């Protein structure tokens, strides 16, 4: 057992009960399995289903929890009914996270659980993450940050647990595909979700389809560019059929938090 793993188990054992915000990604899935291992039926998983979450992520969360016998509550919530989220400014994630975590806190309280945790890790502290600030204001616990886990540490431990998604690419909410200042519309979120699903089905994992000025900007790993060219015509046709005006390949390749980098550059100018 690694030092980090032991610290994590000791940290979680401090709580009489813990509700874990389960997105379906590697981080929250690992936290969920460890919390269940330590707390048994005093661990509760909560997944928020909305237009900002891929259907595949919800399906994974439900199936995974069922397979492992962990109690999961799926709660339907639409952040787009709130103007502070829908207008999609630089604080969108702050407002959205606060709404979502308040919902999870209420669900946990109704189940007799006082503490809520998420899968944020120390690498997240290097990015623009207003959602962490919102979570902190609500008293949300970050076990991986508290025990010094990086994303690499999380993947290594998830692999040792045999989690099938231990190396799954990061899956930020669909709003992260829409350029800041562009109102979040359900049809646009659906377009980027369908576009990414199409490209992923061609074998390109970890891709992004970002909506920028009505264009689709595709991000894939740079070492996959050559293979992608063979699919360029059909990808172009499909994405235009979804309603994108043009389809571009970003030569910088896939970059997690690309929209945040643009925002940072704008602030520095």
Protein backbone atom coordinates (compact mmCIF):
# COMPACT_ATOMS: atom_id res chain seq x y z
CA UNK A 1 0.00 0.00 0.00
CA UNK A 2 1.40 3.40 -1.00
CA UNK A 3 1.82 6.21 1.48
CA UNK A 4 -0.79 8.25 -0.38
CA UNK A 5 -3.25 5.36 -0.28
CA UNK A 6 -2.79 4.92 3.46
CA UNK A 7 -3.24 8.67 4.04
CA UNK A 8 -6.42 8.61 1.96
CA UNK A 9 -7.90 5.70 3.89
CA UNK A 10 -7.05 7.29 7.22
CA UNK A 11 -8.55 10.60 6.09
CA UNK A 12 -11.84 9.03 4.99
CA UNK A 13 -12.09 6.93 8.15
CA UNK A 14 -12.46 10.16 10.13
CA UNK A 15 -16.02 10.58 8.88
CA UNK A 16 -19.10 8.80 10.19
CA UNK A 17 -20.62 9.10 6.74
CA UNK A 18 -19.65 10.58 3.39
CA UNK A 19 -21.56 11.53 0.25
CA UNK A 20 -19.41 11.48 -2.88
CA UNK A 21 -20.27 13.59 -5.92
CA UNK A 22 -19.92 10.93 -8.63
CA UNK A 23 -19.35 12.28 -12.13
CA UNK A 24 -18.31 8.98 -13.66
CA UNK A 25 -14.71 10.08 -14.20
CA UNK A 26 -11.63 8.39 -12.79
CA UNK A 27 -11.23 10.73 -9.81
CA UNK A 28 -14.73 10.46 -8.36
CA UNK A 29 -14.97 6.75 -9.15
CA UNK A 30 -11.79 6.01 -7.21
CA UNK A 31 -12.97 8.16 -4.31
CA UNK A 32 -16.28 6.30 -4.36
CA UNK A 33 -14.72 2.83 -4.19
CA UNK A 34 -12.35 3.81 -1.36
CA UNK A 35 -15.15 5.53 0.59
CA UNK A 36 -17.31 2.42 0.24
CA UNK A 37 -14.42 0.21 1.27
CA UNK A 38 -13.93 2.20 4.48
CA UNK A 39 -17.45 3.33 5.34
CA UNK A 40 -19.58 0.54 3.82
CA UNK A 41 -23.26 1.56 3.77
CA UNK A 42 -22.37 4.94 5.28
CA UNK A 43 -20.99 5.95 1.87
CA UNK A 44 -23.51 7.49 -0.50
CA UNK A 45 -22.94 8.38 -4.14
CA UNK A 46 -24.82 11.23 -5.81
CA UNK A 47 -24.80 11.83 -9.56
CA UNK A 48 -26.31 14.97 -11.05
CA UNK A 49 -27.93 14.35 -14.43
CA UNK A 50 -28.27 17.43 -16.63
CA UNK A 51 -27.78 18.80 -20.13
CA UNK A 52 -24.16 19.57 -19.17
CA UNK A 53 -23.34 15.90 -18.62
CA UNK A 54 -22.85 13.35 -21.38
CA UNK A 55 -25.44 10.58 -21.42
CA UNK A 56 -22.61 8.05 -21.51
CA UNK A 57 -21.20 9.43 -18.24
CA UNK A 58 -24.55 9.02 -16.49
CA UNK A 59 -24.93 5.50 -17.86
CA UNK A 60 -21.45 4.59 -16.64
CA UNK A 61 -22.09 6.01 -13.16
CA UNK A 62 -25.35 4.05 -12.79
CA UNK A 63 -23.97 0.78 -14.13
CA UNK A 64 -20.75 1.04 -12.13
CA UNK A 65 -22.53 1.73 -8.84
CA UNK A 66 -24.90 -1.18 -9.45
CA UNK A 67 -22.04 -3.54 -10.26
CA UNK A 68 -20.23 -2.63 -7.04
CA UNK A 69 -23.31 -2.60 -4.85
CA UNK A 70 -22.90 1.02 -3.78
CA UNK A 71 -25.95 3.15 -3.11
CA UNK A 72 -26.36 5.82 -5.78
CA UNK A 73 -28.90 8.59 -6.05
CA UNK A 74 -29.31 10.13 -9.52
CA UNK A 75 -30.74 13.62 -9.27
CA UNK A 76 -32.08 15.56 -12.25
CA UNK A 77 -31.14 19.23 -12.20
CA UNK A 78 -30.98 21.83 -14.97
CA UNK A 79 -28.37 24.55 -14.32
CA UNK A 80 -29.38 26.32 -17.54
CA UNK A 81 -32.51 27.64 -15.84
CA UNK A 82 -30.18 29.96 -13.91
CA UNK A 83 -29.02 33.06 -15.78
CA UNK A 84 -25.62 33.14 -14.03
CA UNK A 85 -24.87 29.76 -15.59
CA UNK A 86 -26.57 30.19 -18.93
CA UNK A 87 -24.79 33.44 -19.83
CA UNK A 88 -21.50 31.52 -19.63
CA UNK A 89 -19.13 34.17 -18.38
CA UNK A 90 -15.82 33.51 -16.62
CA UNK A 91 -17.66 32.70 -13.36
CA UNK A 92 -20.02 30.15 -14.91
CA UNK A 93 -18.29 27.23 -13.21
CA UNK A 94 -18.43 28.98 -9.85
CA UNK A 95 -22.19 29.50 -10.03
CA UNK A 96 -22.87 26.07 -11.51
CA UNK A 97 -20.77 24.22 -8.94
CA UNK A 98 -22.44 26.08 -6.10
CA UNK A 99 -25.90 25.10 -7.36
CA UNK A 100 -24.93 21.47 -7.92
CA UNK A 101 -23.14 21.04 -4.61
CA UNK A 102 -26.01 22.65 -2.73
CA UNK A 103 -28.28 20.03 -4.30
CA UNK A 104 -25.93 17.24 -3.27
CA UNK A 105 -25.66 18.62 0.27
CA UNK A 106 -29.46 18.62 0.56
CA UNK A 107 -29.66 15.03 -0.73
CA UNK A 108 -26.94 13.93 1.68
CA UNK A 109 -28.63 15.67 4.62
CA UNK A 110 -31.91 13.94 3.81
CA UNK A 111 -30.00 10.64 4.04
CA UNK A 112 -28.51 11.61 7.40
CA UNK A 113 -25.03 12.38 6.03
CA UNK A 114 -23.36 15.66 6.96
CA UNK A 115 -20.24 15.53 4.79
CA UNK A 116 -19.91 15.81 0.99
CA UNK A 117 -16.72 15.15 -0.96
CA UNK A 118 -15.57 15.62 -4.54
CA UNK A 119 -12.70 14.24 -6.62
CA UNK A 120 -10.63 17.42 -6.98
CA UNK A 121 -6.88 16.74 -6.87
CA UNK A 122 -3.75 18.84 -6.43
CA UNK A 123 -3.26 19.26 -10.20
CA UNK A 124 -6.58 21.12 -10.33
CA UNK A 125 -5.05 23.86 -8.20
CA UNK A 126 -2.78 24.82 -11.13
CA UNK A 127 -5.72 25.58 -13.44
CA UNK A 128 -8.45 28.23 -13.38
CA UNK A 129 -11.03 26.40 -11.25
CA UNK A 130 -13.62 28.76 -9.75
CA UNK A 131 -15.70 25.66 -9.01
CA UNK A 132 -13.25 24.69 -6.27
CA UNK A 133 -13.77 28.10 -4.66
CA UNK A 134 -17.53 27.54 -4.72
CA UNK A 135 -17.12 24.09 -3.21
CA UNK A 136 -14.86 25.45 -0.48
CA UNK A 137 -17.45 28.07 0.44
CA UNK A 138 -19.97 25.27 0.96
CA UNK A 139 -17.61 23.18 3.05
CA UNK A 140 -17.15 20.46 0.44
CA UNK A 141 -14.29 18.10 1.29
CA UNK A 142 -11.46 17.38 -1.19
CA UNK A 143 -9.89 14.12 0.05
CA UNK A 144 -7.36 13.90 -2.79
CA UNK A 145 -6.15 17.45 -2.20
CA UNK A 146 -6.00 16.90 1.55
CA UNK A 147 -3.85 13.79 1.08
CA UNK A 148 -1.64 15.10 -1.75
CA UNK A 149 -2.94 13.09 -4.71
CA UNK A 150 -2.02 14.18 -8.23
CA UNK A 151 -3.84 12.92 -11.32
CA UNK A 152 -0.97 10.48 -11.89
CA UNK A 153 -1.36 9.15 -8.35
CA UNK A 154 -5.10 8.73 -8.85
CA UNK A 155 -4.68 6.80 -12.09
CA UNK A 156 -2.07 4.51 -10.51
CA UNK A 157 -4.29 3.71 -7.53
CA UNK A 158 -7.38 3.32 -9.72
CA UNK A 159 -5.46 0.81 -11.84
CA UNK A 160 -4.45 -1.15 -8.72
CA UNK A 161 -8.14 -1.33 -7.77
CA UNK A 162 -8.91 -2.70 -11.21
CA UNK A 163 -11.20 0.19 -12.11
CA UNK A 164 -12.10 -0.02 -15.78
CA UNK A 165 -11.89 3.74 -16.23
CA UNK A 166 -8.45 4.17 -14.63
CA UNK A 167 -6.98 5.64 -17.83
CA UNK A 168 -10.10 7.28 -19.24
CA UNK A 169 -9.38 10.80 -20.51
CA UNK A 170 -10.64 13.69 -18.40
CA UNK A 171 -14.30 14.44 -19.01
CA UNK A 172 -15.14 18.02 -18.07
CA UNK A 173 -18.75 19.15 -18.36
CA UNK A 174 -20.05 20.02 -21.82
CA UNK A 175 -20.18 23.74 -21.02
CA UNK A 176 -16.36 23.74 -21.19
CA UNK A 177 -16.66 23.22 -24.97
CA UNK A 178 -18.46 26.53 -25.49
CA UNK A 179 -16.39 29.72 -25.67
CA UNK A 180 -16.91 32.11 -22.77
CA UNK A 181 -19.49 34.78 -23.49
CA UNK A 182 -21.56 32.50 -25.72
CA UNK A 183 -24.91 31.68 -24.11
CA UNK A 184 -25.29 28.01 -23.24
CA UNK A 185 -28.06 26.53 -25.36
CA UNK A 186 -29.23 22.90 -25.12
CA UNK A 187 -28.95 22.41 -28.88
CA UNK A 188 -25.31 23.56 -28.88
CA UNK A 189 -24.42 21.27 -25.99
CA UNK A 190 -26.09 18.42 -27.86
CA UNK A 191 -24.07 19.23 -30.99
CA UNK A 192 -20.71 19.07 -29.27
CA UNK A 193 -21.71 15.89 -27.41
CA UNK A 194 -22.74 14.19 -30.64
CA UNK A 195 -19.64 15.44 -32.44
CA UNK A 196 -17.32 14.06 -29.77
CA UNK A 197 -19.17 10.75 -29.66
CA UNK A 198 -18.78 10.41 -33.43
CA UNK A 199 -15.03 11.08 -33.33
CA UNK A 200 -14.53 8.83 -30.30
CA UNK A 201 -16.33 6.02 -32.15
CA UNK A 202 -13.66 6.35 -34.84
CA UNK A 203 -11.09 5.47 -32.18
CA UNK A 204 -9.88 8.93 -31.09
CA UNK A 205 -10.17 9.01 -27.31
CA UNK A 206 -9.79 12.20 -25.34
CA UNK A 207 -11.02 14.41 -28.17
CA UNK A 208 -12.81 17.72 -27.84
CA UNK A 209 -15.23 19.46 -30.17
CA UNK A 210 -15.39 23.09 -29.14
CA UNK A 211 -17.93 25.60 -30.40
CA UNK A 212 -16.20 28.88 -31.29
CA UNK A 213 -18.06 31.47 -33.39
CA UNK A 214 -20.37 28.79 -34.84
CA UNK A 215 -17.33 26.73 -35.89
CA UNK A 216 -16.37 23.31 -34.62
CA UNK A 217 -12.76 23.30 -33.43
CA UNK A 218 -11.55 19.72 -33.02
CA UNK A 219 -8.82 18.81 -30.57
CA UNK A 220 -7.18 15.39 -30.70
CA UNK A 221 -3.75 14.22 -29.65
CA UNK A 222 -1.04 15.44 -32.00
CA UNK A 223 0.31 11.92 -32.53
CA UNK A 224 -3.07 11.00 -34.03
CA UNK A 225 -3.16 13.77 -36.63
CA UNK A 226 -1.94 11.59 -39.49
CA UNK A 227 -4.54 8.90 -38.86
CA UNK A 228 -7.26 11.51 -38.42
CA UNK A 229 -6.68 12.93 -41.91
CA UNK A 230 -8.11 9.72 -43.34
CA UNK A 231 -11.43 10.54 -41.68
CA UNK A 232 -11.40 14.28 -42.32
CA UNK A 233 -14.05 14.31 -45.05
CA UNK A 234 -16.59 12.22 -43.18
CA UNK A 235 -16.00 14.13 -39.94
CA UNK A 236 -16.44 17.41 -41.80
CA UNK A 237 -19.69 16.18 -43.36
CA UNK A 238 -21.08 14.88 -40.08
CA UNK A 239 -20.29 17.94 -38.00
CA UNK A 240 -21.74 20.26 -40.63
CA UNK A 241 -24.87 18.12 -40.64
CA UNK A 242 -25.17 18.93 -36.93
CA UNK A 243 -25.22 22.64 -37.75
CA UNK A 244 -21.61 23.81 -37.45
CA UNK A 245 -20.69 26.42 -40.09
CA UNK A 246 -17.12 25.16 -40.48
CA UNK A 247 -14.90 22.41 -39.07
CA UNK A 248 -11.30 23.09 -38.05
CA UNK A 249 -8.53 20.96 -36.55
CA UNK A 250 -6.63 22.71 -33.77
CA UNK A 251 -2.93 22.13 -34.49
CA UNK A 252 -2.05 22.54 -30.80
CA UNK A 253 -3.80 19.23 -30.21
CA UNK A 254 -5.94 18.19 -27.27
CA UNK A 255 -5.38 20.40 -24.24
CA UNK A 256 -7.39 20.03 -21.05
CA UNK A 257 -8.88 23.38 -20.03
CA UNK A 258 -8.16 25.05 -23.38
CA UNK A 259 -10.90 27.64 -22.86
CA UNK A 260 -9.34 28.57 -19.52
CA UNK A 261 -6.00 29.20 -21.22
CA UNK A 262 -7.70 31.62 -23.61
CA UNK A 263 -9.27 33.41 -20.65
CA UNK A 264 -5.90 33.65 -18.90
CA UNK A 265 -4.28 35.18 -21.98
CA UNK A 266 -7.06 37.73 -22.26
CA UNK A 267 -6.52 38.77 -18.63
CA UNK A 268 -2.78 39.18 -19.21
CA UNK A 269 -3.19 41.48 -22.20
